[in-house]
Amino acid sequence: LPIGNLTSQLFSNVYLNVLDQFVKRTLGERYYGRYVDDFF
């Protein structure tokens, strides 16, 4: 996806929402956060 478009920023969040749900729901990690592709 091209960097610089509003839709690319939105879609990047949608794409990694699967990862967010996996970490929070499946792995059960309480102290988790993500900014685009950087997460902890």
PDB file of all heavy atoms in Angstrom:
ATOM      1  N   LEU A   1       0.853  -1.182   0.000  1.00  0.00           N
ATOM      2  CA  LEU A   1       0.000   0.000   0.000  1.00  0.00           C
ATOM      3  C   LEU A   1       0.889   1.232   0.000  1.00  0.00           C
ATOM      4  O   LEU A   1       1.950   1.241   0.623  1.00  0.00           O
ATOM      5  CB  LEU A   1      -0.908   0.029   1.230  1.00  0.00           C
ATOM      6  CG  LEU A   1      -2.027  -1.005   1.335  1.00  0.00           C
ATOM      7  CD1 LEU A   1      -2.795  -0.799   2.624  1.00  0.00           C
ATOM      8  CD2 LEU A   1      -2.956  -0.935   0.140  1.00  0.00           C
ATOM      9  N   PRO A   2       0.482   2.293  -0.692  1.00  0.00           N
ATOM     10  CA  PRO A   2       1.313   3.503  -0.739  1.00  0.00           C
ATOM     11  C   PRO A   2       1.294   4.262   0.578  1.00  0.00           C
ATOM     12  O   PRO A   2       0.226   4.507   1.148  1.00  0.00           O
ATOM     13  CB  PRO A   2       0.665   4.319  -1.865  1.00  0.00           C
ATOM     14  CG  PRO A   2      -0.753   3.864  -1.887  1.00  0.00           C
ATOM     15  CD  PRO A   2      -0.738   2.414  -1.508  1.00  0.00           C
ATOM     16  N   ILE A   3       2.463   4.624   1.072  1.00  0.00           N
ATOM     17  CA  ILE A   3       2.552   5.480   2.255  1.00  0.00           C
ATOM     18  C   ILE A   3       2.190   6.904   1.851  1.00  0.00           C
ATOM     19  O   ILE A   3       2.704   7.424   0.866  1.00  0.00           O
ATOM     20  CB  ILE A   3       3.971   5.432   2.850  1.00  0.00           C
ATOM     21  CG1 ILE A   3       4.291   4.024   3.354  1.00  0.00           C
ATOM     22  CG2 ILE A   3       4.122   6.439   3.980  1.00  0.00           C
ATOM     23  CD1 ILE A   3       5.704   3.872   3.877  1.00  0.00           C
ATOM     24  N   GLY A   4       1.316   7.521   2.621  1.00  0.00           N
ATOM     25  CA  GLY A   4       0.927   8.894   2.332  1.00  0.00           C
ATOM     26  C   GLY A   4      -0.552   9.090   2.126  1.00  0.00           C
ATOM     27  O   GLY A   4      -1.036  10.226   2.152  1.00  0.00           O
ATOM     28  N   ASN A   5      -1.308   8.010   1.922  1.00  0.00           N
ATOM     29  CA  ASN A   5      -2.750   8.118   1.712  1.00  0.00           C
ATOM     30  C   ASN A   5      -3.506   7.885   3.017  1.00  0.00           C
ATOM     31  O   ASN A   5      -3.123   7.040   3.824  1.00  0.00           O
ATOM     32  CB  ASN A   5      -3.229   7.107   0.669  1.00  0.00           C
ATOM     33  CG  ASN A   5      -2.743   7.445  -0.728  1.00  0.00           C
ATOM     34  OD1 ASN A   5      -2.278   8.556  -0.980  1.00  0.00           O
ATOM     35  ND2 ASN A   5      -2.842   6.495  -1.633  1.00  0.00           N
ATOM     36  N   LEU A   6      -4.603   8.598   3.196  1.00  0.00           N
ATOM     37  CA  LEU A   6      -5.443   8.418   4.376  1.00  0.00           C
ATOM     38  C   LEU A   6      -5.984   6.996   4.443  1.00  0.00           C
ATOM     39  O   LEU A   6      -6.024   6.386   5.515  1.00  0.00           O
ATOM     40  CB  LEU A   6      -6.591   9.426   4.347  1.00  0.00           C
ATOM     41  CG  LEU A   6      -7.638   9.303   5.461  1.00  0.00           C
ATOM     42  CD1 LEU A   6      -7.005   9.562   6.825  1.00  0.00           C
ATOM     43  CD2 LEU A   6      -8.796  10.267   5.216  1.00  0.00           C
ATOM     44  N   THR A   7      -6.400   6.467   3.302  1.00  0.00           N
ATOM     45  CA  THR A   7      -6.944   5.113   3.290  1.00  0.00           C
ATOM     46  C   THR A   7      -5.887   4.078   3.660  1.00  0.00           C
ATOM     47  O   THR A   7      -6.207   3.071   4.301  1.00  0.00           O
ATOM     48  CB  THR A   7      -7.517   4.784   1.905  1.00  0.00           C
ATOM     49  OG1 THR A   7      -6.548   5.104   0.895  1.00  0.00           O
ATOM     50  CG2 THR A   7      -8.789   5.573   1.643  1.00  0.00           C
ATOM     51  N   SER A   8      -4.630   4.308   3.295  1.00  0.00           N
ATOM     52  CA  SER A   8      -3.571   3.363   3.648  1.00  0.00           C
ATOM     53  C   SER A   8      -3.393   3.299   5.163  1.00  0.00           C
ATOM     54  O   SER A   8      -3.160   2.221   5.723  1.00  0.00           O
ATOM     55  CB  SER A   8      -2.253   3.769   2.987  1.00  0.00           C
ATOM     56  OG  SER A   8      -2.345   3.699   1.576  1.00  0.00           O
ATOM     57  N   GLN A   9      -3.494   4.440   5.830  1.00  0.00           N
ATOM     58  CA  GLN A   9      -3.383   4.452   7.290  1.00  0.00           C
ATOM     59  C   GLN A   9      -4.536   3.677   7.929  1.00  0.00           C
ATOM     60  O   GLN A   9      -4.334   2.900   8.865  1.00  0.00           O
ATOM     61  CB  GLN A   9      -3.388   5.896   7.792  1.00  0.00           C
ATOM     62  CG  GLN A   9      -2.239   6.746   7.277  1.00  0.00           C
ATOM     63  CD  GLN A   9      -2.362   8.188   7.742  1.00  0.00           C
ATOM     64  OE1 GLN A   9      -2.553   8.468   8.913  1.00  0.00           O
ATOM     65  NE2 GLN A   9      -2.262   9.118   6.813  1.00  0.00           N
ATOM     66  N   LEU A  10      -5.735   3.895   7.411  1.00  0.00           N
ATOM     67  CA  LEU A  10      -6.896   3.184   7.945  1.00  0.00           C
ATOM     68  C   LEU A  10      -6.784   1.684   7.690  1.00  0.00           C
ATOM     69  O   LEU A  10      -6.995   0.869   8.595  1.00  0.00           O
ATOM     70  CB  LEU A  10      -8.173   3.735   7.316  1.00  0.00           C
ATOM     71  CG  LEU A  10      -9.482   3.036   7.707  1.00  0.00           C
ATOM     72  CD1 LEU A  10      -9.753   3.183   9.201  1.00  0.00           C
ATOM     73  CD2 LEU A  10     -10.649   3.594   6.890  1.00  0.00           C
ATOM     74  N   PHE A  11      -6.427   1.315   6.457  1.00  0.00           N
ATOM     75  CA  PHE A  11      -6.342  -0.103   6.100  1.00  0.00           C
ATOM     76  C   PHE A  11      -5.233  -0.813   6.869  1.00  0.00           C
ATOM     77  O   PHE A  11      -5.345  -2.003   7.173  1.00  0.00           O
ATOM     78  CB  PHE A  11      -6.115  -0.256   4.601  1.00  0.00           C
ATOM     79  CG  PHE A  11      -7.269   0.209   3.756  1.00  0.00           C
ATOM     80  CD1 PHE A  11      -7.072   0.620   2.440  1.00  0.00           C
ATOM     81  CD2 PHE A  11      -8.551   0.245   4.284  1.00  0.00           C
ATOM     82  CE1 PHE A  11      -8.146   1.041   1.670  1.00  0.00           C
ATOM     83  CE2 PHE A  11      -9.629   0.678   3.504  1.00  0.00           C
ATOM     84  CZ  PHE A  11      -9.416   1.077   2.196  1.00  0.00           C
ATOM     85  N   SER A  12      -4.155  -0.086   7.176  1.00  0.00           N
ATOM     86  CA  SER A  12      -3.066  -0.712   7.927  1.00  0.00           C
ATOM     87  C   SER A  12      -3.530  -1.117   9.321  1.00  0.00           C
ATOM     88  O   SER A  12      -3.078  -2.127   9.870  1.00  0.00           O
ATOM     89  CB  SER A  12      -1.872   0.239   8.023  1.00  0.00           C
ATOM     90  OG  SER A  12      -2.170   1.360   8.852  1.00  0.00           O
ATOM     91  N   ASN A  13      -4.428  -0.333   9.903  1.00  0.00           N
ATOM     92  CA  ASN A  13      -4.989  -0.677  11.200  1.00  0.00           C
ATOM     93  C   ASN A  13      -5.929  -1.874  11.097  1.00  0.00           C
ATOM     94  O   ASN A  13      -5.951  -2.745  11.967  1.00  0.00           O
ATOM     95  CB  ASN A  13      -5.742   0.524  11.781  1.00  0.00           C
ATOM     96  CG  ASN A  13      -5.154   0.977  13.106  1.00  0.00           C
ATOM     97  OD1 ASN A  13      -4.186   0.409  13.602  1.00  0.00           O
ATOM     98  ND2 ASN A  13      -5.734   2.006  13.682  1.00  0.00           N
ATOM     99  N   VAL A  14      -6.722  -1.898  10.036  1.00  0.00           N
ATOM    100  CA  VAL A  14      -7.659  -3.006   9.834  1.00  0.00           C
ATOM    101  C   VAL A  14      -6.895  -4.311   9.631  1.00  0.00           C
ATOM    102  O   VAL A  14      -7.266  -5.354  10.183  1.00  0.00           O
ATOM    103  CB  VAL A  14      -8.571  -2.718   8.628  1.00  0.00           C
ATOM    104  CG1 VAL A  14      -9.486  -3.911   8.345  1.00  0.00           C
ATOM    105  CG2 VAL A  14      -9.411  -1.467   8.873  1.00  0.00           C
ATOM    106  N   TYR A  15      -5.813  -4.260   8.857  1.00  0.00           N
ATOM    107  CA  TYR A  15      -5.063  -5.467   8.524  1.00  0.00           C
ATOM    108  C   TYR A  15      -4.454  -6.109   9.769  1.00  0.00           C
ATOM    109  O   TYR A  15      -4.454  -7.340   9.920  1.00  0.00           O
ATOM    110  CB  TYR A  15      -3.967  -5.122   7.522  1.00  0.00           C
ATOM    111  CG  TYR A  15      -3.399  -6.319   6.780  1.00  0.00           C
ATOM    112  CD1 TYR A  15      -4.169  -7.019   5.868  1.00  0.00           C
ATOM    113  CD2 TYR A  15      -2.080  -6.735   6.978  1.00  0.00           C
ATOM    114  CE1 TYR A  15      -3.659  -8.102   5.173  1.00  0.00           C
ATOM    115  CE2 TYR A  15      -1.561  -7.812   6.289  1.00  0.00           C
ATOM    116  CZ  TYR A  15      -2.359  -8.492   5.387  1.00  0.00           C
ATOM    117  OH  TYR A  15      -1.841  -9.571   4.702  1.00  0.00           O
ATOM    118  N   LEU A  16      -3.928  -5.291  10.685  1.00  0.00           N
ATOM    119  CA  LEU A  16      -3.292  -5.824  11.891  1.00  0.00           C
ATOM    120  C   LEU A  16      -4.259  -5.967  13.060  1.00  0.00           C
ATOM    121  O   LEU A  16      -3.841  -6.372  14.146  1.00  0.00           O
ATOM    122  CB  LEU A  16      -2.114  -4.942  12.307  1.00  0.00           C
ATOM    123  CG  LEU A  16      -0.823  -5.124  11.512  1.00  0.00           C
ATOM    124  CD1 LEU A  16       0.294  -4.271  12.084  1.00  0.00           C
ATOM    125  CD2 LEU A  16      -0.390  -6.587  11.482  1.00  0.00           C
ATOM    126  N   ASN A  17      -5.521  -5.656  12.837  1.00  0.00           N
ATOM    127  CA  ASN A  17      -6.503  -5.873  13.896  1.00  0.00           C
ATOM    128  C   ASN A  17      -6.603  -7.358  14.245  1.00  0.00           C
ATOM    129  O   ASN A  17      -6.914  -7.716  15.386  1.00  0.00           O
ATOM    130  CB  ASN A  17      -7.871  -5.337  13.464  1.00  0.00           C
ATOM    131  CG  ASN A  17      -8.884  -5.355  14.587  1.00  0.00           C
ATOM    132  OD1 ASN A  17      -8.601  -4.962  15.716  1.00  0.00           O
ATOM    133  ND2 ASN A  17     -10.084  -5.839  14.291  1.00  0.00           N
ATOM    134  N   VAL A  18      -6.324  -8.210  13.273  1.00  0.00           N
ATOM    135  CA  VAL A  18      -6.308  -9.656  13.525  1.00  0.00           C
ATOM    136  C   VAL A  18      -5.227 -10.000  14.546  1.00  0.00           C
ATOM    137  O   VAL A  18      -5.433 -10.828  15.443  1.00  0.00           O
ATOM    138  CB  VAL A  18      -6.078 -10.426  12.210  1.00  0.00           C
ATOM    139  CG1 VAL A  18      -6.049 -11.935  12.459  1.00  0.00           C
ATOM    140  CG2 VAL A  18      -7.149 -10.084  11.187  1.00  0.00           C
ATOM    141  N   LEU A  19      -4.063  -9.356  14.412  1.00  0.00           N
ATOM    142  CA  LEU A  19      -2.985  -9.566  15.377  1.00  0.00           C
ATOM    143  C   LEU A  19      -3.396  -9.072  16.758  1.00  0.00           C
ATOM    144  O   LEU A  19      -3.130  -9.744  17.766  1.00  0.00           O
ATOM    145  CB  LEU A  19      -1.725  -8.844  14.912  1.00  0.00           C
ATOM    146  CG  LEU A  19      -0.554  -8.800  15.906  1.00  0.00           C
ATOM    147  CD1 LEU A  19      -0.003 -10.204  16.134  1.00  0.00           C
ATOM    148  CD2 LEU A  19       0.545  -7.865  15.406  1.00  0.00           C
ATOM    149  N   ASP A  20      -4.029  -7.898  16.814  1.00  0.00           N
ATOM    150  CA  ASP A  20      -4.474  -7.354  18.098  1.00  0.00           C
ATOM    151  C   ASP A  20      -5.416  -8.318  18.815  1.00  0.00           C
ATOM    152  O   ASP A  20      -5.275  -8.561  20.020  1.00  0.00           O
ATOM    153  CB  ASP A  20      -5.178  -6.011  17.884  1.00  0.00           C
ATOM    154  CG  ASP A  20      -4.266  -4.962  17.274  1.00  0.00           C
ATOM    155  OD1 ASP A  20      -3.036  -5.102  17.400  1.00  0.00           O
ATOM    156  OD2 ASP A  20      -4.786  -4.000  16.680  1.00  0.00           O
ATOM    157  N   GLN A  21      -6.366  -8.865  18.074  1.00  0.00           N
ATOM    158  CA  GLN A  21      -7.323  -9.794  18.677  1.00  0.00           C
ATOM    159  C   GLN A  21      -6.636 -11.080  19.127  1.00  0.00           C
ATOM    160  O   GLN A  21      -6.981 -11.644  20.181  1.00  0.00           O
ATOM    161  CB  GLN A  21      -8.442 -10.120  17.668  1.00  0.00           C
ATOM    162  CG  GLN A  21      -9.192  -8.911  17.141  1.00  0.00           C
ATOM    163  CD  GLN A  21      -9.893  -8.120  18.230  1.00  0.00           C
ATOM    164  OE1 GLN A  21     -10.300  -8.666  19.262  1.00  0.00           O
ATOM    165  NE2 GLN A  21     -10.042  -6.813  18.023  1.00  0.00           N
ATOM    166  N   PHE A  22      -5.650 -11.523  18.376  1.00  0.00           N
ATOM    167  CA  PHE A  22      -4.911 -12.744  18.741  1.00  0.00           C
ATOM    168  C   PHE A  22      -4.151 -12.545  20.054  1.00  0.00           C
ATOM    169  O   PHE A  22      -4.195 -13.402  20.948  1.00  0.00           O
ATOM    170  CB  PHE A  22      -3.944 -13.113  17.617  1.00  0.00           C
ATOM    171  CG  PHE A  22      -3.024 -14.254  17.956  1.00  0.00           C
ATOM    172  CD1 PHE A  22      -3.483 -15.553  18.040  1.00  0.00           C
ATOM    173  CD2 PHE A  22      -1.669 -14.016  18.192  1.00  0.00           C
ATOM    174  CE1 PHE A  22      -2.629 -16.607  18.359  1.00  0.00           C
ATOM    175  CE2 PHE A  22      -0.811 -15.053  18.506  1.00  0.00           C
ATOM    176  CZ  PHE A  22      -1.296 -16.358  18.596  1.00  0.00           C
ATOM    177  N   VAL A  23      -3.469 -11.408  20.175  1.00  0.00           N
ATOM    178  CA  VAL A  23      -2.683 -11.150  21.384  1.00  0.00           C
ATOM    179  C   VAL A  23      -3.589 -10.956  22.595  1.00  0.00           C
ATOM    180  O   VAL A  23      -3.324 -11.487  23.679  1.00  0.00           O
ATOM    181  CB  VAL A  23      -1.774  -9.917  21.187  1.00  0.00           C
ATOM    182  CG1 VAL A  23      -1.036  -9.578  22.474  1.00  0.00           C
ATOM    183  CG2 VAL A  23      -0.766 -10.163  20.067  1.00  0.00           C
ATOM    184  N   LYS A  24      -4.675 -10.201  22.425  1.00  0.00           N
ATOM    185  CA  LYS A  24      -5.555  -9.896  23.552  1.00  0.00           C
ATOM    186  C   LYS A  24      -6.461 -11.066  23.917  1.00  0.00           C
ATOM    187  O   LYS A  24      -6.624 -11.379  25.106  1.00  0.00           O
ATOM    188  CB  LYS A  24      -6.410  -8.668  23.231  1.00  0.00           C
ATOM    189  CG  LYS A  24      -5.611  -7.388  23.030  1.00  0.00           C
ATOM    190  CD  LYS A  24      -5.019  -6.882  24.329  1.00  0.00           C
ATOM    191  CE  LYS A  24      -6.063  -6.271  25.221  1.00  0.00           C
ATOM    192  NZ  LYS A  24      -5.471  -5.640  26.423  1.00  0.00           N
ATOM    193  N   ARG A  25      -7.065 -11.719  22.926  1.00  0.00           N
ATOM    194  CA  ARG A  25      -8.062 -12.760  23.201  1.00  0.00           C
ATOM    195  C   ARG A  25      -7.454 -14.150  23.348  1.00  0.00           C
ATOM    196  O   ARG A  25      -7.780 -14.879  24.295  1.00  0.00           O
ATOM    197  CB  ARG A  25      -9.117 -12.792  22.081  1.00  0.00           C
ATOM    198  CG  ARG A  25      -9.629 -11.443  21.635  1.00  0.00           C
ATOM    199  CD  ARG A  25     -10.277 -10.640  22.732  1.00  0.00           C
ATOM    200  NE  ARG A  25     -10.674  -9.315  22.232  1.00  0.00           N
ATOM    201  CZ  ARG A  25     -10.984  -8.305  23.000  1.00  0.00           C
ATOM    202  NH1 ARG A  25     -10.963  -8.439  24.320  1.00  0.00           N
ATOM    203  NH2 ARG A  25     -11.326  -7.132  22.483  1.00  0.00           N
ATOM    204  N   THR A  26      -6.575 -14.508  22.411  1.00  0.00           N
ATOM    205  CA  THR A  26      -6.020 -15.861  22.431  1.00  0.00           C
ATOM    206  C   THR A  26      -4.869 -16.000  23.418  1.00  0.00           C
ATOM    207  O   THR A  26      -4.860 -16.903  24.263  1.00  0.00           O
ATOM    208  CB  THR A  26      -5.550 -16.269  21.021  1.00  0.00           C
ATOM    209  OG1 THR A  26      -6.636 -16.123  20.090  1.00  0.00           O
ATOM    210  CG2 THR A  26      -5.080 -17.722  21.011  1.00  0.00           C
ATOM    211  N   LEU A  27      -3.890 -15.090  23.320  1.00  0.00           N
ATOM    212  CA  LEU A  27      -2.747 -15.155  24.225  1.00  0.00           C
ATOM    213  C   LEU A  27      -3.082 -14.587  25.603  1.00  0.00           C
ATOM    214  O   LEU A  27      -2.377 -14.886  26.577  1.00  0.00           O
ATOM    215  CB  LEU A  27      -1.551 -14.401  23.623  1.00  0.00           C
ATOM    216  CG  LEU A  27      -1.007 -14.944  22.298  1.00  0.00           C
ATOM    217  CD1 LEU A  27       0.182 -14.101  21.841  1.00  0.00           C
ATOM    218  CD2 LEU A  27      -0.600 -16.405  22.427  1.00  0.00           C
ATOM    219  N   GLY A  28      -4.107 -13.765  25.680  1.00  0.00           N
ATOM    220  CA  GLY A  28      -4.532 -13.217  26.968  1.00  0.00           C
ATOM    221  C   GLY A  28      -3.577 -12.204  27.561  1.00  0.00           C
ATOM    222  O   GLY A  28      -3.487 -12.077  28.797  1.00  0.00           O
ATOM    223  N   GLU A  29      -2.865 -11.456  26.716  1.00  0.00           N
ATOM    224  CA  GLU A  29      -1.909 -10.463  27.210  1.00  0.00           C
ATOM    225  C   GLU A  29      -2.633  -9.160  27.532  1.00  0.00           C
ATOM    226  O   GLU A  29      -3.229  -8.524  26.662  1.00  0.00           O
ATOM    227  CB  GLU A  29      -0.804 -10.219  26.177  1.00  0.00           C
ATOM    228  CG  GLU A  29       0.071 -11.418  25.928  1.00  0.00           C
ATOM    229  CD  GLU A  29       0.783 -11.903  27.181  1.00  0.00           C
ATOM    230  OE1 GLU A  29       1.149 -11.058  28.023  1.00  0.00           O
ATOM    231  OE2 GLU A  29       0.962 -13.121  27.318  1.00  0.00           O
ATOM    232  N   ARG A  30      -2.546  -8.754  28.767  1.00  0.00           N
ATOM    233  CA  ARG A  30      -3.260  -7.567  29.233  1.00  0.00           C
ATOM    234  C   ARG A  30      -2.547  -6.280  28.864  1.00  0.00           C
ATOM    235  O   ARG A  30      -3.181  -5.292  28.476  1.00  0.00           O
ATOM    236  CB  ARG A  30      -3.437  -7.653  30.747  1.00  0.00           C
ATOM    237  CG  ARG A  30      -4.172  -6.480  31.364  1.00  0.00           C
ATOM    238  CD  ARG A  30      -4.320  -6.677  32.869  1.00  0.00           C
ATOM    239  NE  ARG A  30      -5.021  -5.564  33.492  1.00  0.00           N
ATOM    240  CZ  ARG A  30      -5.232  -5.463  34.800  1.00  0.00           C
ATOM    241  NH1 ARG A  30      -4.797  -6.420  35.614  1.00  0.00           N
ATOM    242  NH2 ARG A  30      -5.868  -4.423  35.288  1.00  0.00           N
ATOM    243  N   TYR A  31      -1.227  -6.283  28.984  1.00  0.00           N
ATOM    244  CA  TYR A  31      -0.449  -5.058  28.778  1.00  0.00           C
ATOM    245  C   TYR A  31       0.161  -5.070  27.378  1.00  0.00           C
ATOM    246  O   TYR A  31       1.335  -5.390  27.190  1.00  0.00           O
ATOM    247  CB  TYR A  31       0.619  -4.928  29.851  1.00  0.00           C
ATOM    248  CG  TYR A  31       0.061  -5.021  31.256  1.00  0.00           C
ATOM    249  CD1 TYR A  31       0.361  -6.104  32.085  1.00  0.00           C
ATOM    250  CD2 TYR A  31      -0.779  -4.030  31.755  1.00  0.00           C
ATOM    251  CE1 TYR A  31      -0.154  -6.187  33.371  1.00  0.00           C
ATOM    252  CE2 TYR A  31      -1.310  -4.109  33.042  1.00  0.00           C
ATOM    253  CZ  TYR A  31      -0.993  -5.190  33.841  1.00  0.00           C
ATOM    254  OH  TYR A  31      -1.514  -5.272  35.103  1.00  0.00           O
ATOM    255  N   TYR A  32      -0.669  -4.738  26.407  1.00  0.00           N
ATOM    256  CA  TYR A  32      -0.273  -4.795  24.996  1.00  0.00           C
ATOM    257  C   TYR A  32      -0.709  -3.508  24.303  1.00  0.00           C
ATOM    258  O   TYR A  32      -1.752  -2.924  24.628  1.00  0.00           O
ATOM    259  CB  TYR A  32      -0.934  -5.994  24.324  1.00  0.00           C
ATOM    260  CG  TYR A  32      -0.924  -5.966  22.804  1.00  0.00           C
ATOM    261  CD1 TYR A  32       0.208  -6.357  22.088  1.00  0.00           C
ATOM    262  CD2 TYR A  32      -2.041  -5.544  22.088  1.00  0.00           C
ATOM    263  CE1 TYR A  32       0.214  -6.339  20.697  1.00  0.00           C
ATOM    264  CE2 TYR A  32      -2.043  -5.523  20.699  1.00  0.00           C
ATOM    265  CZ  TYR A  32      -0.918  -5.910  20.010  1.00  0.00           C
ATOM    266  OH  TYR A  32      -0.906  -5.890  18.645  1.00  0.00           O
ATOM    267  N   GLY A  33       0.107  -3.060  23.341  1.00  0.00           N
ATOM    268  CA  GLY A  33      -0.250  -1.893  22.554  1.00  0.00           C
ATOM    269  C   GLY A  33       0.455  -1.923  21.212  1.00  0.00           C
ATOM    270  O   GLY A  33       1.504  -2.564  21.054  1.00  0.00           O
ATOM    271  N   ARG A  34      -0.121  -1.207  20.240  1.00  0.00           N
ATOM    272  CA  ARG A  34       0.459  -1.196  18.888  1.00  0.00           C
ATOM    273  C   ARG A  34       0.249   0.157  18.230  1.00  0.00           C
ATOM    274  O   ARG A  34      -0.825   0.748  18.323  1.00  0.00           O
ATOM    275  CB  ARG A  34      -0.190  -2.282  18.025  1.00  0.00           C
ATOM    276  CG  ARG A  34       0.325  -2.301  16.576  1.00  0.00           C
ATOM    277  CD  ARG A  34      -0.379  -3.363  15.752  1.00  0.00           C
ATOM    278  NE  ARG A  34      -1.814  -3.148  15.679  1.00  0.00           N
ATOM    279  CZ  ARG A  34      -2.408  -2.288  14.863  1.00  0.00           C
ATOM    280  NH1 ARG A  34      -1.681  -1.534  14.049  1.00  0.00           N
ATOM    281  NH2 ARG A  34      -3.726  -2.161  14.852  1.00  0.00           N
ATOM    282  N   TYR A  35       1.314   0.655  17.591  1.00  0.00           N
ATOM    283  CA  TYR A  35       1.237   1.835  16.735  1.00  0.00           C
ATOM    284  C   TYR A  35       1.710   1.425  15.347  1.00  0.00           C
ATOM    285  O   TYR A  35       2.903   1.205  15.117  1.00  0.00           O
ATOM    286  CB  TYR A  35       2.092   2.977  17.286  1.00  0.00           C
ATOM    287  CG  TYR A  35       1.951   4.262  16.495  1.00  0.00           C
ATOM    288  CD1 TYR A  35       0.976   5.200  16.827  1.00  0.00           C
ATOM    289  CD2 TYR A  35       2.770   4.529  15.410  1.00  0.00           C
ATOM    290  CE1 TYR A  35       0.833   6.370  16.107  1.00  0.00           C
ATOM    291  CE2 TYR A  35       2.641   5.691  14.678  1.00  0.00           C
ATOM    292  CZ  TYR A  35       1.668   6.608  15.028  1.00  0.00           C
ATOM    293  OH  TYR A  35       1.530   7.761  14.297  1.00  0.00           O
ATOM    294  N   VAL A  36       0.783   1.291  14.407  1.00  0.00           N
ATOM    295  CA  VAL A  36       1.044   0.783  13.056  1.00  0.00           C
ATOM    296  C   VAL A  36       1.726  -0.578  13.162  1.00  0.00           C
ATOM    297  O   VAL A  36       1.099  -1.547  13.568  1.00  0.00           O
ATOM    298  CB  VAL A  36       1.862   1.783  12.204  1.00  0.00           C
ATOM    299  CG1 VAL A  36       1.837   1.362  10.737  1.00  0.00           C
ATOM    300  CG2 VAL A  36       1.292   3.196  12.319  1.00  0.00           C
ATOM    301  N   ASP A  37       3.022  -0.668  12.831  1.00  0.00           N
ATOM    302  CA  ASP A  37       3.701  -1.971  12.855  1.00  0.00           C
ATOM    303  C   ASP A  37       4.638  -2.128  14.053  1.00  0.00           C
ATOM    304  O   ASP A  37       5.358  -3.123  14.138  1.00  0.00           O
ATOM    305  CB  ASP A  37       4.482  -2.191  11.563  1.00  0.00           C
ATOM    306  CG  ASP A  37       5.524  -1.106  11.324  1.00  0.00           C
ATOM    307  OD1 ASP A  37       5.397  -0.015  11.916  1.00  0.00           O
ATOM    308  OD2 ASP A  37       6.469  -1.345  10.558  1.00  0.00           O
ATOM    309  N   ASP A  38       4.661  -1.160  14.960  1.00  0.00           N
ATOM    310  CA  ASP A  38       5.448  -1.268  16.194  1.00  0.00           C
ATOM    311  C   ASP A  38       4.519  -1.679  17.329  1.00  0.00           C
ATOM    312  O   ASP A  38       3.536  -0.988  17.606  1.00  0.00           O
ATOM    313  CB  ASP A  38       6.115   0.068  16.540  1.00  0.00           C
ATOM    314  CG  ASP A  38       7.124   0.494  15.487  1.00  0.00           C
ATOM    315  OD1 ASP A  38       7.838  -0.381  14.975  1.00  0.00           O
ATOM    316  OD2 ASP A  38       7.180   1.696  15.184  1.00  0.00           O
ATOM    317  N   PHE A  39       4.821  -2.774  18.010  1.00  0.00           N
ATOM    318  CA  PHE A  39       3.959  -3.198  19.108  1.00  0.00           C
ATOM    319  C   PHE A  39       4.787  -3.727  20.264  1.00  0.00           C
ATOM    320  O   PHE A  39       5.967  -4.067  20.113  1.00  0.00           O
ATOM    321  CB  PHE A  39       2.924  -4.230  18.638  1.00  0.00           C
ATOM    322  CG  PHE A  39       3.478  -5.467  17.988  1.00  0.00           C
ATOM    323  CD1 PHE A  39       3.551  -6.669  18.676  1.00  0.00           C
ATOM    324  CD2 PHE A  39       3.903  -5.447  16.661  1.00  0.00           C
ATOM    325  CE1 PHE A  39       4.038  -7.812  18.077  1.00  0.00           C
ATOM    326  CE2 PHE A  39       4.392  -6.595  16.047  1.00  0.00           C
ATOM    327  CZ  PHE A  39       4.462  -7.780  16.765  1.00  0.00           C
ATOM    328  N   PHE A  40       4.172  -3.760  21.440  1.00  0.00           N
ATOM    329  CA  PHE A  40       4.874  -4.153  22.663  1.00  0.00           C
ATOM    330  C   PHE A  40       3.961  -4.998  23.538  1.00  0.00           C
ATOM    331  O   PHE A  40       2.729  -4.925  23.444  1.00  0.00           O
ATOM    332  CB  PHE A  40       5.340  -2.913  23.440  1.00  0.00           C
ATOM    333  CG  PHE A  40       4.220  -2.059  23.964  1.00  0.00           C
ATOM    334  CD1 PHE A  40       3.600  -2.345  25.180  1.00  0.00           C
ATOM    335  CD2 PHE A  40       3.764  -0.964  23.245  1.00  0.00           C
ATOM    336  CE1 PHE A  40       2.564  -1.565  25.662  1.00  0.00           C
ATOM    337  CE2 PHE A  40       2.719  -0.181  23.716  1.00  0.00           C
ATOM    338  CZ  PHE A  40       2.120  -0.481  24.926  1.00  0.00           C
TER     339      PHE A  40
END
